[in-house]
Amino acid sequence: MNKGELVDKVADKADVTKKQADAVLTAALETIMEAVSSDDKVTLVGFGSFESRDRKAREGRNPKTGEKMNIPATKVPAFSAGKLFKEKVAPK
């Protein structure tokens, strides 16, 4: 499912126009990205949580040449699924 299809489903479920659904979805995603980039954790109970995590520096290899190279430390976005989401995907 891409963003356009998601907007269509949200518009149908919420009984709003596609333009309104797109505006709300875009605003929600931008707000989550801004919060996570500011080192805040965003928790949506039942759905999951978004946060930034530190990735340590490590040694890697260039796949073309096989030459060793250093990969610097960085921050990466992370998502952890909530209990209800996990149960919906993999019912017991």
N, C-alpha and C. Protein backbone atom coordinates (compact mmCIF):
# COMPACT_ATOMS: atom_id res chain seq x y z
N MET A 1 0.85 -1.17 0.00
CA MET A 1 0.00 0.00 0.00
C MET A 1 0.90 1.24 0.00
N ASN A 2 0.64 2.16 -0.90
CA ASN A 2 1.41 3.40 -0.92
C ASN A 2 0.62 4.52 -0.23
N LYS A 3 1.17 5.71 -0.17
CA LYS A 3 0.54 6.81 0.55
C LYS A 3 -0.82 7.16 -0.04
N GLY A 4 -0.93 7.15 -1.38
CA GLY A 4 -2.20 7.48 -2.02
C GLY A 4 -3.30 6.50 -1.64
N GLU A 5 -2.95 5.22 -1.61
CA GLU A 5 -3.93 4.20 -1.22
C GLU A 5 -4.30 4.34 0.26
N LEU A 6 -3.33 4.68 1.10
CA LEU A 6 -3.59 4.90 2.51
C LEU A 6 -4.53 6.09 2.70
N VAL A 7 -4.29 7.16 1.97
CA VAL A 7 -5.15 8.35 2.04
C VAL A 7 -6.58 7.97 1.66
N ASP A 8 -6.74 7.18 0.60
CA ASP A 8 -8.07 6.74 0.17
C ASP A 8 -8.78 5.97 1.28
N LYS A 9 -8.09 5.03 1.92
CA LYS A 9 -8.68 4.22 3.00
C LYS A 9 -9.06 5.08 4.20
N VAL A 10 -8.15 6.00 4.57
CA VAL A 10 -8.42 6.88 5.71
C VAL A 10 -9.63 7.77 5.42
N ALA A 11 -9.70 8.30 4.21
CA ALA A 11 -10.83 9.15 3.82
C ALA A 11 -12.15 8.37 3.91
N ASP A 12 -12.15 7.13 3.46
CA ASP A 12 -13.36 6.30 3.54
C ASP A 12 -13.74 6.00 4.98
N LYS A 13 -12.77 5.60 5.80
CA LYS A 13 -13.06 5.23 7.19
C LYS A 13 -13.49 6.42 8.04
N ALA A 14 -12.87 7.57 7.80
CA ALA A 14 -13.15 8.76 8.61
C ALA A 14 -14.28 9.60 8.02
N ASP A 15 -14.76 9.21 6.85
CA ASP A 15 -15.83 9.94 6.17
C ASP A 15 -15.46 11.41 5.95
N VAL A 16 -14.25 11.62 5.42
CA VAL A 16 -13.78 12.96 5.06
C VAL A 16 -13.31 12.92 3.61
N THR A 17 -13.01 14.09 3.06
CA THR A 17 -12.52 14.13 1.69
C THR A 17 -11.09 13.61 1.63
N LYS A 18 -10.67 13.21 0.43
CA LYS A 18 -9.30 12.73 0.26
C LYS A 18 -8.30 13.84 0.54
N LYS A 19 -8.67 15.07 0.20
CA LYS A 19 -7.78 16.21 0.43
C LYS A 19 -7.58 16.43 1.94
N GLN A 20 -8.66 16.31 2.71
CA GLN A 20 -8.55 16.47 4.16
C GLN A 20 -7.73 15.32 4.77
N ALA A 21 -7.98 14.11 4.32
CA ALA A 21 -7.25 12.96 4.83
C ALA A 21 -5.76 13.09 4.53
N ASP A 22 -5.43 13.54 3.31
CA ASP A 22 -4.03 13.72 2.92
C ASP A 22 -3.37 14.78 3.80
N ALA A 23 -4.08 15.87 4.07
CA ALA A 23 -3.52 16.95 4.89
C ALA A 23 -3.25 16.46 6.31
N VAL A 24 -4.18 15.70 6.88
CA VAL A 24 -4.01 15.20 8.24
C VAL A 24 -2.89 14.17 8.30
N LEU A 25 -2.86 13.24 7.35
CA LEU A 25 -1.82 12.22 7.33
C LEU A 25 -0.44 12.85 7.16
N THR A 26 -0.31 13.80 6.24
CA THR A 26 0.96 14.48 6.02
C THR A 26 1.41 15.22 7.27
N ALA A 27 0.46 15.92 7.92
CA ALA A 27 0.80 16.66 9.14
C ALA A 27 1.24 15.71 10.24
N ALA A 28 0.56 14.57 10.38
CA ALA A 28 0.92 13.60 11.42
C ALA A 28 2.31 13.03 11.17
N LEU A 29 2.60 12.66 9.94
CA LEU A 29 3.92 12.10 9.62
C LEU A 29 5.03 13.12 9.82
N GLU A 30 4.79 14.37 9.39
CA GLU A 30 5.80 15.42 9.58
C GLU A 30 6.05 15.67 11.06
N THR A 31 4.98 15.67 11.87
CA THR A 31 5.12 15.90 13.30
C THR A 31 5.92 14.78 13.96
N ILE A 32 5.67 13.53 13.55
CA ILE A 32 6.43 12.39 14.09
C ILE A 32 7.90 12.52 13.70
N MET A 33 8.18 12.86 12.44
CA MET A 33 9.57 13.00 11.99
C MET A 33 10.28 14.12 12.73
N GLU A 34 9.60 15.25 12.94
CA GLU A 34 10.21 16.37 13.67
C GLU A 34 10.53 15.98 15.11
N ALA A 35 9.59 15.29 15.76
CA ALA A 35 9.79 14.89 17.15
C ALA A 35 10.95 13.91 17.27
N VAL A 36 10.99 12.91 16.40
CA VAL A 36 12.06 11.90 16.47
C VAL A 36 13.41 12.54 16.15
N SER A 37 13.44 13.46 15.20
CA SER A 37 14.71 14.11 14.88
C SER A 37 15.18 15.02 16.00
N SER A 38 14.27 15.41 16.90
CA SER A 38 14.63 16.22 18.08
C SER A 38 14.89 15.34 19.30
N ASP A 39 15.10 14.04 19.08
CA ASP A 39 15.37 13.07 20.14
C ASP A 39 14.19 12.83 21.07
N ASP A 40 12.97 13.14 20.63
CA ASP A 40 11.78 12.80 21.40
C ASP A 40 11.30 11.42 20.98
N LYS A 41 10.60 10.75 21.85
CA LYS A 41 10.00 9.45 21.54
C LYS A 41 8.51 9.68 21.34
N VAL A 42 7.96 9.15 20.26
CA VAL A 42 6.54 9.27 19.98
C VAL A 42 5.90 7.91 20.20
N THR A 43 4.95 7.83 21.14
CA THR A 43 4.29 6.57 21.44
C THR A 43 2.82 6.67 21.11
N LEU A 44 2.36 5.76 20.26
CA LEU A 44 0.94 5.66 19.92
C LEU A 44 0.47 4.33 20.52
N VAL A 45 -0.24 4.41 21.64
CA VAL A 45 -0.62 3.22 22.39
C VAL A 45 -1.36 2.23 21.48
N GLY A 46 -0.91 1.00 21.51
CA GLY A 46 -1.51 -0.06 20.70
C GLY A 46 -0.88 -0.18 19.32
N PHE A 47 -0.36 0.93 18.78
CA PHE A 47 0.26 0.90 17.46
C PHE A 47 1.76 0.67 17.56
N GLY A 48 2.43 1.53 18.32
CA GLY A 48 3.87 1.39 18.47
C GLY A 48 4.53 2.69 18.85
N SER A 49 5.86 2.68 18.84
CA SER A 49 6.60 3.89 19.20
C SER A 49 7.72 4.14 18.21
N PHE A 50 7.97 5.41 17.99
CA PHE A 50 9.03 5.87 17.10
C PHE A 50 10.07 6.58 17.95
N GLU A 51 11.35 6.32 17.68
CA GLU A 51 12.42 6.98 18.42
C GLU A 51 13.69 6.98 17.57
N SER A 52 14.67 7.76 18.01
CA SER A 52 15.96 7.71 17.32
C SER A 52 16.91 6.88 18.17
N ARG A 53 17.75 6.12 17.50
CA ARG A 53 18.73 5.28 18.20
C ARG A 53 20.11 5.59 17.67
N ASP A 54 21.09 5.45 18.55
CA ASP A 54 22.48 5.66 18.15
C ASP A 54 23.03 4.36 17.57
N ARG A 55 23.65 4.46 16.42
CA ARG A 55 24.33 3.31 15.83
C ARG A 55 25.82 3.54 15.99
N LYS A 56 26.51 2.57 16.57
CA LYS A 56 27.94 2.70 16.83
C LYS A 56 28.74 2.67 15.53
N ALA A 57 29.93 3.24 15.59
CA ALA A 57 30.85 3.14 14.45
C ALA A 57 31.27 1.68 14.30
N ARG A 58 31.49 1.28 13.06
CA ARG A 58 31.86 -0.11 12.84
C ARG A 58 32.69 -0.23 11.57
N GLU A 59 33.26 -1.39 11.40
CA GLU A 59 34.07 -1.63 10.21
C GLU A 59 33.22 -2.39 9.20
N GLY A 60 33.27 -1.95 7.95
CA GLY A 60 32.53 -2.63 6.89
C GLY A 60 33.45 -2.93 5.73
N ARG A 61 32.87 -3.44 4.67
CA ARG A 61 33.64 -3.74 3.46
C ARG A 61 32.94 -3.15 2.26
N ASN A 62 33.76 -2.65 1.33
CA ASN A 62 33.23 -2.17 0.06
C ASN A 62 32.83 -3.42 -0.74
N PRO A 63 31.55 -3.54 -1.12
CA PRO A 63 31.12 -4.76 -1.80
C PRO A 63 31.78 -4.98 -3.17
N LYS A 64 32.19 -3.90 -3.81
CA LYS A 64 32.85 -4.04 -5.13
C LYS A 64 34.27 -4.55 -5.01
N THR A 65 35.02 -3.92 -4.10
CA THR A 65 36.45 -4.22 -4.03
C THR A 65 36.82 -5.15 -2.87
N GLY A 66 35.92 -5.26 -1.89
CA GLY A 66 36.24 -6.06 -0.71
C GLY A 66 37.14 -5.33 0.27
N GLU A 67 37.47 -4.08 -0.04
CA GLU A 67 38.36 -3.28 0.80
C GLU A 67 37.66 -2.90 2.10
N LYS A 68 38.41 -2.97 3.22
CA LYS A 68 37.86 -2.58 4.52
C LYS A 68 37.66 -1.07 4.56
N MET A 69 36.60 -0.66 5.25
CA MET A 69 36.34 0.78 5.42
C MET A 69 35.65 0.99 6.76
N ASN A 70 35.82 2.19 7.31
CA ASN A 70 35.18 2.53 8.57
C ASN A 70 33.84 3.19 8.29
N ILE A 71 32.82 2.72 8.98
CA ILE A 71 31.49 3.33 8.88
C ILE A 71 31.30 4.14 10.15
N PRO A 72 31.08 5.46 10.02
CA PRO A 72 31.00 6.30 11.22
C PRO A 72 29.72 6.07 12.03
N ALA A 73 29.75 6.47 13.30
CA ALA A 73 28.58 6.41 14.16
C ALA A 73 27.52 7.37 13.63
N THR A 74 26.27 7.03 13.82
CA THR A 74 25.18 7.88 13.34
C THR A 74 23.92 7.62 14.15
N LYS A 75 22.91 8.43 13.93
CA LYS A 75 21.60 8.22 14.55
C LYS A 75 20.68 7.69 13.47
N VAL A 76 19.81 6.75 13.84
CA VAL A 76 18.87 6.18 12.89
C VAL A 76 17.47 6.17 13.51
N PRO A 77 16.43 6.33 12.68
CA PRO A 77 15.07 6.22 13.21
C PRO A 77 14.73 4.76 13.47
N ALA A 78 13.92 4.51 14.49
CA ALA A 78 13.53 3.15 14.82
C ALA A 78 12.05 3.11 15.17
N PHE A 79 11.41 1.99 14.84
CA PHE A 79 10.00 1.78 15.17
C PHE A 79 9.87 0.47 15.92
N SER A 80 9.14 0.49 17.01
CA SER A 80 8.84 -0.73 17.76
C SER A 80 7.33 -0.91 17.75
N ALA A 81 6.86 -2.03 17.24
CA ALA A 81 5.42 -2.28 17.16
C ALA A 81 4.84 -2.50 18.56
N GLY A 82 3.63 -2.01 18.77
CA GLY A 82 2.93 -2.19 20.03
C GLY A 82 2.28 -3.56 20.11
N LYS A 83 1.78 -3.89 21.29
CA LYS A 83 1.20 -5.20 21.54
C LYS A 83 0.02 -5.49 20.61
N LEU A 84 -0.91 -4.55 20.48
CA LEU A 84 -2.08 -4.78 19.63
C LEU A 84 -1.70 -4.97 18.17
N PHE A 85 -0.72 -4.19 17.71
CA PHE A 85 -0.24 -4.30 16.33
C PHE A 85 0.37 -5.68 16.09
N LYS A 86 1.20 -6.12 17.02
CA LYS A 86 1.84 -7.44 16.91
C LYS A 86 0.79 -8.55 16.88
N GLU A 87 -0.22 -8.43 17.73
CA GLU A 87 -1.26 -9.46 17.79
C GLU A 87 -2.11 -9.47 16.53
N LYS A 88 -2.31 -8.31 15.92
CA LYS A 88 -3.09 -8.22 14.69
C LYS A 88 -2.34 -8.88 13.54
N VAL A 89 -1.02 -8.71 13.50
CA VAL A 89 -0.20 -9.27 12.43
C VAL A 89 -0.03 -10.78 12.62
N ALA A 90 0.21 -11.20 13.84
CA ALA A 90 0.46 -12.62 14.11
C ALA A 90 -0.48 -13.09 15.22
N PRO A 91 -1.74 -13.37 14.90
CA PRO A 91 -2.67 -13.83 15.94
C PRO A 91 -2.24 -15.18 16.51
N LYS A 92 -2.53 -15.37 17.77
CA LYS A 92 -2.12 -16.62 18.44
C LYS A 92 -3.08 -17.73 18.16
